[in-house]
Amino acid sequence: MNSQITLLKPKSTIVISLNKADLVAQEKLNKLSEAYNFDSEQVIATYITSAKTGQDVTNMFDKIAQAIALYK
């Protein structure tokens, strides 16, 4: 899947959000996080998030804002 991400838009920056953390067992979340932790310059972060509890939502948007600031 890593090569598919690169093919989509080679100069893009990607942040992966694994949402609904409040509904999934921690063990499953850890496995998903490992599976979506790509070794790529494009994927700058993977977050396990929950919109309901707010888990890592602010951190994720902070990371996106930092990437935008560096791009300009």
PDB file of N, CA and C in Angstrom:
ATOM      1  N   MET A   1       0.820  -1.191   0.000  1.00  0.00           N
ATOM      2  CA  MET A   1       0.000   0.000   0.000  1.00  0.00           C
ATOM      3  C   MET A   1       0.867   1.260   0.000  1.00  0.00           C
ATOM      4  N   ASN A   2       2.054   1.178   0.556  1.00  0.00           N
ATOM      5  CA  ASN A   2       2.934   2.336   0.609  1.00  0.00           C
ATOM      6  C   ASN A   2       3.204   2.890  -0.783  1.00  0.00           C
ATOM      7  N   SER A   3       3.472   2.029  -1.758  1.00  0.00           N
ATOM      8  CA  SER A   3       3.735   2.490  -3.117  1.00  0.00           C
ATOM      9  C   SER A   3       2.489   3.109  -3.742  1.00  0.00           C
ATOM     10  N   GLN A   4       1.302   2.633  -3.373  1.00  0.00           N
ATOM     11  CA  GLN A   4       0.063   3.217  -3.886  1.00  0.00           C
ATOM     12  C   GLN A   4      -0.090   4.650  -3.406  1.00  0.00           C
ATOM     13  N   ILE A   5       0.286   4.925  -2.180  1.00  0.00           N
ATOM     14  CA  ILE A   5       0.215   6.289  -1.653  1.00  0.00           C
ATOM     15  C   ILE A   5       1.134   7.196  -2.456  1.00  0.00           C
ATOM     16  N   THR A   6       2.341   6.754  -2.720  1.00  0.00           N
ATOM     17  CA  THR A   6       3.301   7.544  -3.470  1.00  0.00           C
ATOM     18  C   THR A   6       2.817   7.811  -4.888  1.00  0.00           C
ATOM     19  N   LEU A   7       2.156   6.862  -5.498  1.00  0.00           N
ATOM     20  CA  LEU A   7       1.674   7.028  -6.865  1.00  0.00           C
ATOM     21  C   LEU A   7       0.535   8.035  -6.974  1.00  0.00           C
ATOM     22  N   LEU A   8      -0.282   8.157  -5.941  1.00  0.00           N
ATOM     23  CA  LEU A   8      -1.422   9.056  -5.998  1.00  0.00           C
ATOM     24  C   LEU A   8      -1.008  10.493  -6.255  1.00  0.00           C
ATOM     25  N   LYS A   9      -0.121  10.972  -5.471  1.00  0.00           N
ATOM     26  CA  LYS A   9       0.388  12.337  -5.620  1.00  0.00           C
ATOM     27  C   LYS A   9       1.753  12.391  -4.954  1.00  0.00           C
ATOM     28  N   PRO A  10       2.799  12.270  -5.745  1.00  0.00           N
ATOM     29  CA  PRO A  10       4.151  12.121  -5.194  1.00  0.00           C
ATOM     30  C   PRO A  10       4.604  13.225  -4.238  1.00  0.00           C
ATOM     31  N   LYS A  11       4.088  14.443  -4.368  1.00  0.00           N
ATOM     32  CA  LYS A  11       4.530  15.539  -3.508  1.00  0.00           C
ATOM     33  C   LYS A  11       3.562  15.825  -2.353  1.00  0.00           C
ATOM     34  N   SER A  12       2.621  14.944  -2.125  1.00  0.00           N
ATOM     35  CA  SER A  12       1.632  15.174  -1.074  1.00  0.00           C
ATOM     36  C   SER A  12       2.200  14.833   0.301  1.00  0.00           C
ATOM     37  N   THR A  13       1.537  15.366   1.321  1.00  0.00           N
ATOM     38  CA  THR A  13       1.847  15.060   2.709  1.00  0.00           C
ATOM     39  C   THR A  13       0.612  14.417   3.311  1.00  0.00           C
ATOM     40  N   ILE A  14       0.794  13.318   4.035  1.00  0.00           N
ATOM     41  CA  ILE A  14      -0.338  12.530   4.524  1.00  0.00           C
ATOM     42  C   ILE A  14      -0.256  12.354   6.037  1.00  0.00           C
ATOM     43  N   VAL A  15      -1.395  12.574   6.686  1.00  0.00           N
ATOM     44  CA  VAL A  15      -1.570  12.248   8.098  1.00  0.00           C
ATOM     45  C   VAL A  15      -2.706  11.240   8.159  1.00  0.00           C
ATOM     46  N   ILE A  16      -2.458  10.095   8.773  1.00  0.00           N
ATOM     47  CA  ILE A  16      -3.471   9.040   8.865  1.00  0.00           C
ATOM     48  C   ILE A  16      -4.146   9.117  10.226  1.00  0.00           C
ATOM     49  N   SER A  17      -5.471   9.125  10.201  1.00  0.00           N
ATOM     50  CA  SER A  17      -6.257   9.145  11.426  1.00  0.00           C
ATOM     51  C   SER A  17      -7.073   7.865  11.519  1.00  0.00           C
ATOM     52  N   LEU A  18      -6.817   7.078  12.538  1.00  0.00           N
ATOM     53  CA  LEU A  18      -7.590   5.867  12.795  1.00  0.00           C
ATOM     54  C   LEU A  18      -8.644   6.248  13.832  1.00  0.00           C
ATOM     55  N   ASN A  19      -9.813   6.624  13.347  1.00  0.00           N
ATOM     56  CA  ASN A  19     -10.861   7.174  14.195  1.00  0.00           C
ATOM     57  C   ASN A  19     -11.675   6.072  14.879  1.00  0.00           C
ATOM     58  N   LYS A  20     -12.508   6.469  15.811  1.00  0.00           N
ATOM     59  CA  LYS A  20     -13.380   5.588  16.599  1.00  0.00           C
ATOM     60  C   LYS A  20     -12.611   4.803  17.650  1.00  0.00           C
ATOM     61  N   ALA A  21     -11.529   5.382  18.157  1.00  0.00           N
ATOM     62  CA  ALA A  21     -10.707   4.705  19.158  1.00  0.00           C
ATOM     63  C   ALA A  21     -11.502   4.325  20.404  1.00  0.00           C
ATOM     64  N   ASP A  22     -12.548   5.075  20.681  1.00  0.00           N
ATOM     65  CA  ASP A  22     -13.372   4.785  21.859  1.00  0.00           C
ATOM     66  C   ASP A  22     -14.219   3.526  21.690  1.00  0.00           C
ATOM     67  N   LEU A  23     -14.310   2.997  20.474  1.00  0.00           N
ATOM     68  CA  LEU A  23     -15.140   1.821  20.204  1.00  0.00           C
ATOM     69  C   LEU A  23     -14.343   0.544  19.937  1.00  0.00           C
ATOM     70  N   VAL A  24     -13.012   0.637  19.951  1.00  0.00           N
ATOM     71  CA  VAL A  24     -12.167  -0.496  19.562  1.00  0.00           C
ATOM     72  C   VAL A  24     -11.227  -0.839  20.717  1.00  0.00           C
ATOM     73  N   ALA A  25     -11.000  -2.129  20.921  1.00  0.00           N
ATOM     74  CA  ALA A  25     -10.094  -2.590  21.976  1.00  0.00           C
ATOM     75  C   ALA A  25      -8.674  -2.082  21.720  1.00  0.00           C
ATOM     76  N   GLN A  26      -7.958  -1.768  22.799  1.00  0.00           N
ATOM     77  CA  GLN A  26      -6.609  -1.210  22.695  1.00  0.00           C
ATOM     78  C   GLN A  26      -5.673  -2.121  21.902  1.00  0.00           C
ATOM     79  N   GLU A  27      -5.775  -3.425  22.096  1.00  0.00           N
ATOM     80  CA  GLU A  27      -4.914  -4.372  21.371  1.00  0.00           C
ATOM     81  C   GLU A  27      -5.115  -4.244  19.860  1.00  0.00           C
ATOM     82  N   LYS A  28      -6.358  -4.140  19.436  1.00  0.00           N
ATOM     83  CA  LYS A  28      -6.677  -3.985  18.013  1.00  0.00           C
ATOM     84  C   LYS A  28      -6.154  -2.636  17.499  1.00  0.00           C
ATOM     85  N   LEU A  29      -6.290  -1.595  18.299  1.00  0.00           N
ATOM     86  CA  LEU A  29      -5.788  -0.274  17.906  1.00  0.00           C
ATOM     87  C   LEU A  29      -4.285  -0.299  17.702  1.00  0.00           C
ATOM     88  N   ASN A  30      -3.569  -0.990  18.581  1.00  0.00           N
ATOM     89  CA  ASN A  30      -2.114  -1.095  18.450  1.00  0.00           C
ATOM     90  C   ASN A  30      -1.729  -1.803  17.152  1.00  0.00           C
ATOM     91  N   LYS A  31      -2.452  -2.872  16.816  1.00  0.00           N
ATOM     92  CA  LYS A  31      -2.178  -3.600  15.574  1.00  0.00           C
ATOM     93  C   LYS A  31      -2.464  -2.733  14.354  1.00  0.00           C
ATOM     94  N   LEU A  32      -3.564  -1.994  14.402  1.00  0.00           N
ATOM     95  CA  LEU A  32      -3.906  -1.100  13.293  1.00  0.00           C
ATOM     96  C   LEU A  32      -2.866   0.002  13.143  1.00  0.00           C
ATOM     97  N   SER A  33      -2.435   0.552  14.256  1.00  0.00           N
ATOM     98  CA  SER A  33      -1.433   1.612  14.219  1.00  0.00           C
ATOM     99  C   SER A  33      -0.134   1.110  13.585  1.00  0.00           C
ATOM    100  N   GLU A  34       0.269  -0.089  13.931  1.00  0.00           N
ATOM    101  CA  GLU A  34       1.474  -0.678  13.335  1.00  0.00           C
ATOM    102  C   GLU A  34       1.280  -0.914  11.836  1.00  0.00           C
ATOM    103  N   ALA A  35       0.105  -1.367  11.453  1.00  0.00           N
ATOM    104  CA  ALA A  35      -0.177  -1.645  10.045  1.00  0.00           C
ATOM    105  C   ALA A  35      -0.184  -0.375   9.199  1.00  0.00           C
ATOM    106  N   TYR A  36      -0.598   0.729   9.788  1.00  0.00           N
ATOM    107  CA  TYR A  36      -0.679   1.989   9.046  1.00  0.00           C
ATOM    108  C   TYR A  36       0.474   2.932   9.359  1.00  0.00           C
ATOM    109  N   ASN A  37       1.535   2.424   9.920  1.00  0.00           N
ATOM    110  CA  ASN A  37       2.720   3.226  10.194  1.00  0.00           C
ATOM    111  C   ASN A  37       3.703   3.031   9.045  1.00  0.00           C
ATOM    112  N   PHE A  38       3.515   3.797   7.985  1.00  0.00           N
ATOM    113  CA  PHE A  38       4.291   3.635   6.765  1.00  0.00           C
ATOM    114  C   PHE A  38       5.672   4.262   6.887  1.00  0.00           C
ATOM    115  N   ASP A  39       6.631   3.620   6.256  1.00  0.00           N
ATOM    116  CA  ASP A  39       7.976   4.165   6.154  1.00  0.00           C
ATOM    117  C   ASP A  39       8.027   5.002   4.883  1.00  0.00           C
ATOM    118  N   SER A  40       7.568   6.221   4.994  1.00  0.00           N
ATOM    119  CA  SER A  40       7.460   7.085   3.837  1.00  0.00           C
ATOM    120  C   SER A  40       7.651   8.532   4.263  1.00  0.00           C
ATOM    121  N   GLU A  41       8.284   9.312   3.406  1.00  0.00           N
ATOM    122  CA  GLU A  41       8.423  10.736   3.691  1.00  0.00           C
ATOM    123  C   GLU A  41       7.069  11.440   3.619  1.00  0.00           C
ATOM    124  N   GLN A  42       6.153  10.876   2.847  1.00  0.00           N
ATOM    125  CA  GLN A  42       4.841  11.490   2.677  1.00  0.00           C
ATOM    126  C   GLN A  42       3.963  11.336   3.910  1.00  0.00           C
ATOM    127  N   VAL A  43       3.990  10.172   4.540  1.00  0.00           N
ATOM    128  CA  VAL A  43       3.167   9.930   5.730  1.00  0.00           C
ATOM    129  C   VAL A  43       3.941  10.464   6.927  1.00  0.00           C
ATOM    130  N   ILE A  44       3.491  11.631   7.421  1.00  0.00           N
ATOM    131  CA  ILE A  44       4.246  12.289   8.492  1.00  0.00           C
ATOM    132  C   ILE A  44       3.789  11.865   9.877  1.00  0.00           C
ATOM    133  N   ALA A  45       2.595  11.251   9.965  1.00  0.00           N
ATOM    134  CA  ALA A  45       2.108  10.809  11.276  1.00  0.00           C
ATOM    135  C   ALA A  45       0.899   9.900  11.125  1.00  0.00           C
ATOM    136  N   THR A  46       0.733   9.018  12.097  1.00  0.00           N
ATOM    137  CA  THR A  46      -0.464   8.184  12.213  1.00  0.00           C
ATOM    138  C   THR A  46      -1.002   8.382  13.621  1.00  0.00           C
ATOM    139  N   TYR A  47      -2.284   8.738  13.713  1.00  0.00           N
ATOM    140  CA  TYR A  47      -2.904   8.990  15.006  1.00  0.00           C
ATOM    141  C   TYR A  47      -4.084   8.065  15.231  1.00  0.00           C
ATOM    142  N   ILE A  48      -4.213   7.589  16.450  1.00  0.00           N
ATOM    143  CA  ILE A  48      -5.404   6.862  16.881  1.00  0.00           C
ATOM    144  C   ILE A  48      -6.299   7.906  17.532  1.00  0.00           C
ATOM    145  N   THR A  49      -7.432   8.192  16.900  1.00  0.00           N
ATOM    146  CA  THR A  49      -8.266   9.307  17.345  1.00  0.00           C
ATOM    147  C   THR A  49      -9.678   8.871  17.727  1.00  0.00           C
ATOM    148  N   SER A  50     -10.325   9.753  18.463  1.00  0.00           N
ATOM    149  CA  SER A  50     -11.740   9.593  18.786  1.00  0.00           C
ATOM    150  C   SER A  50     -12.370  10.976  18.775  1.00  0.00           C
ATOM    151  N   ALA A  51     -13.294  11.182  17.878  1.00  0.00           N
ATOM    152  CA  ALA A  51     -14.007  12.456  17.848  1.00  0.00           C
ATOM    153  C   ALA A  51     -14.881  12.597  19.095  1.00  0.00           C
ATOM    154  N   LYS A  52     -15.362  11.479  19.591  1.00  0.00           N
ATOM    155  CA  LYS A  52     -16.246  11.497  20.765  1.00  0.00           C
ATOM    156  C   LYS A  52     -15.506  11.971  22.019  1.00  0.00           C
ATOM    157  N   THR A  53     -14.315  11.418  22.249  1.00  0.00           N
ATOM    158  CA  THR A  53     -13.561  11.769  23.455  1.00  0.00           C
ATOM    159  C   THR A  53     -12.531  12.866  23.205  1.00  0.00           C
ATOM    160  N   GLY A  54     -12.233  13.114  21.948  1.00  0.00           N
ATOM    161  CA  GLY A  54     -11.227  14.116  21.600  1.00  0.00           C
ATOM    162  C   GLY A  54      -9.810  13.588  21.606  1.00  0.00           C
ATOM    163  N   GLN A  55      -9.654  12.289  21.817  1.00  0.00           N
ATOM    164  CA  GLN A  55      -8.328  11.665  21.889  1.00  0.00           C
ATOM    165  C   GLN A  55      -7.510  11.977  20.635  1.00  0.00           C
ATOM    166  N   ASP A  56      -6.393  12.613  20.800  1.00  0.00           N
ATOM    167  CA  ASP A  56      -5.398  12.925  19.763  1.00  0.00           C
ATOM    168  C   ASP A  56      -5.902  13.800  18.614  1.00  0.00           C
ATOM    169  N   VAL A  57      -7.117  14.309  18.698  1.00  0.00           N
ATOM    170  CA  VAL A  57      -7.653  15.145  17.620  1.00  0.00           C
ATOM    171  C   VAL A  57      -6.864  16.451  17.518  1.00  0.00           C
ATOM    172  N   THR A  58      -6.635  17.115  18.636  1.00  0.00           N
ATOM    173  CA  THR A  58      -5.877  18.368  18.633  1.00  0.00           C
ATOM    174  C   THR A  58      -4.450  18.137  18.153  1.00  0.00           C
ATOM    175  N   ASN A  59      -3.831  17.060  18.628  1.00  0.00           N
ATOM    176  CA  ASN A  59      -2.464  16.748  18.196  1.00  0.00           C
ATOM    177  C   ASN A  59      -2.390  16.528  16.688  1.00  0.00           C
ATOM    178  N   MET A  60      -3.389  15.836  16.148  1.00  0.00           N
ATOM    179  CA  MET A  60      -3.417  15.575  14.716  1.00  0.00           C
ATOM    180  C   MET A  60      -3.513  16.884  13.924  1.00  0.00           C
ATOM    181  N   PHE A  61      -4.425  17.762  14.328  1.00  0.00           N
ATOM    182  CA  PHE A  61      -4.580  19.029  13.615  1.00  0.00           C
ATOM    183  C   PHE A  61      -3.375  19.947  13.809  1.00  0.00           C
ATOM    184  N   ASP A  62      -2.721  19.870  14.961  1.00  0.00           N
ATOM    185  CA  ASP A  62      -1.479  20.619  15.167  1.00  0.00           C
ATOM    186  C   ASP A  62      -0.408  20.158  14.177  1.00  0.00           C
ATOM    187  N   LYS A  63      -0.305  18.853  13.978  1.00  0.00           N
ATOM    188  CA  LYS A  63       0.670  18.289  13.043  1.00  0.00           C
ATOM    189  C   LYS A  63       0.371  18.738  11.621  1.00  0.00           C
ATOM    190  N   ILE A  64      -0.898  18.756  11.249  1.00  0.00           N
ATOM    191  CA  ILE A  64      -1.294  19.224   9.919  1.00  0.00           C
ATOM    192  C   ILE A  64      -0.946  20.698   9.760  1.00  0.00           C
ATOM    193  N   ALA A  65      -1.223  21.511  10.774  1.00  0.00           N
ATOM    194  CA  ALA A  65      -0.907  22.941  10.720  1.00  0.00           C
ATOM    195  C   ALA A  65       0.594  23.165  10.576  1.00  0.00           C
ATOM    196  N   GLN A  66       1.395  22.383  11.287  1.00  0.00           N
ATOM    197  CA  GLN A  66       2.848  22.494  11.175  1.00  0.00           C
ATOM    198  C   GLN A  66       3.307  22.168   9.759  1.00  0.00           C
ATOM    199  N   ALA A  67       2.727  21.135   9.172  1.00  0.00           N
ATOM    200  CA  ALA A  67       3.096  20.748   7.802  1.00  0.00           C
ATOM    201  C   ALA A  67       2.722  21.847   6.808  1.00  0.00           C
ATOM    202  N   ILE A  68       1.569  22.460   7.007  1.00  0.00           N
ATOM    203  CA  ILE A  68       1.146  23.557   6.130  1.00  0.00           C
ATOM    204  C   ILE A  68       2.093  24.740   6.276  1.00  0.00           C
ATOM    205  N   ALA A  69       2.467  25.060   7.513  1.00  0.00           N
ATOM    206  CA  ALA A  69       3.369  26.183   7.760  1.00  0.00           C
ATOM    207  C   ALA A  69       4.739  25.951   7.104  1.00  0.00           C
ATOM    208  N   LEU A  70       5.219  24.737   7.141  1.00  0.00           N
ATOM    209  CA  LEU A  70       6.517  24.417   6.512  1.00  0.00           C
ATOM    210  C   LEU A  70       6.437  24.465   4.992  1.00  0.00           C
ATOM    211  N   TYR A  71       5.267  24.158   4.462  1.00  0.00           N
ATOM    212  CA  TYR A  71       5.072  24.135   3.011  1.00  0.00           C
ATOM    213  C   TYR A  71       5.133  25.533   2.422  1.00  0.00           C
ATOM    214  N   LYS A  72       4.610  26.509   3.169  1.00  0.00           N
ATOM    215  CA  LYS A  72       4.561  27.888   2.658  1.00  0.00           C
ATOM    216  C   LYS A  72       5.881  28.486   2.731  1.00  0.00           C
TER     217      LYS A  72
END
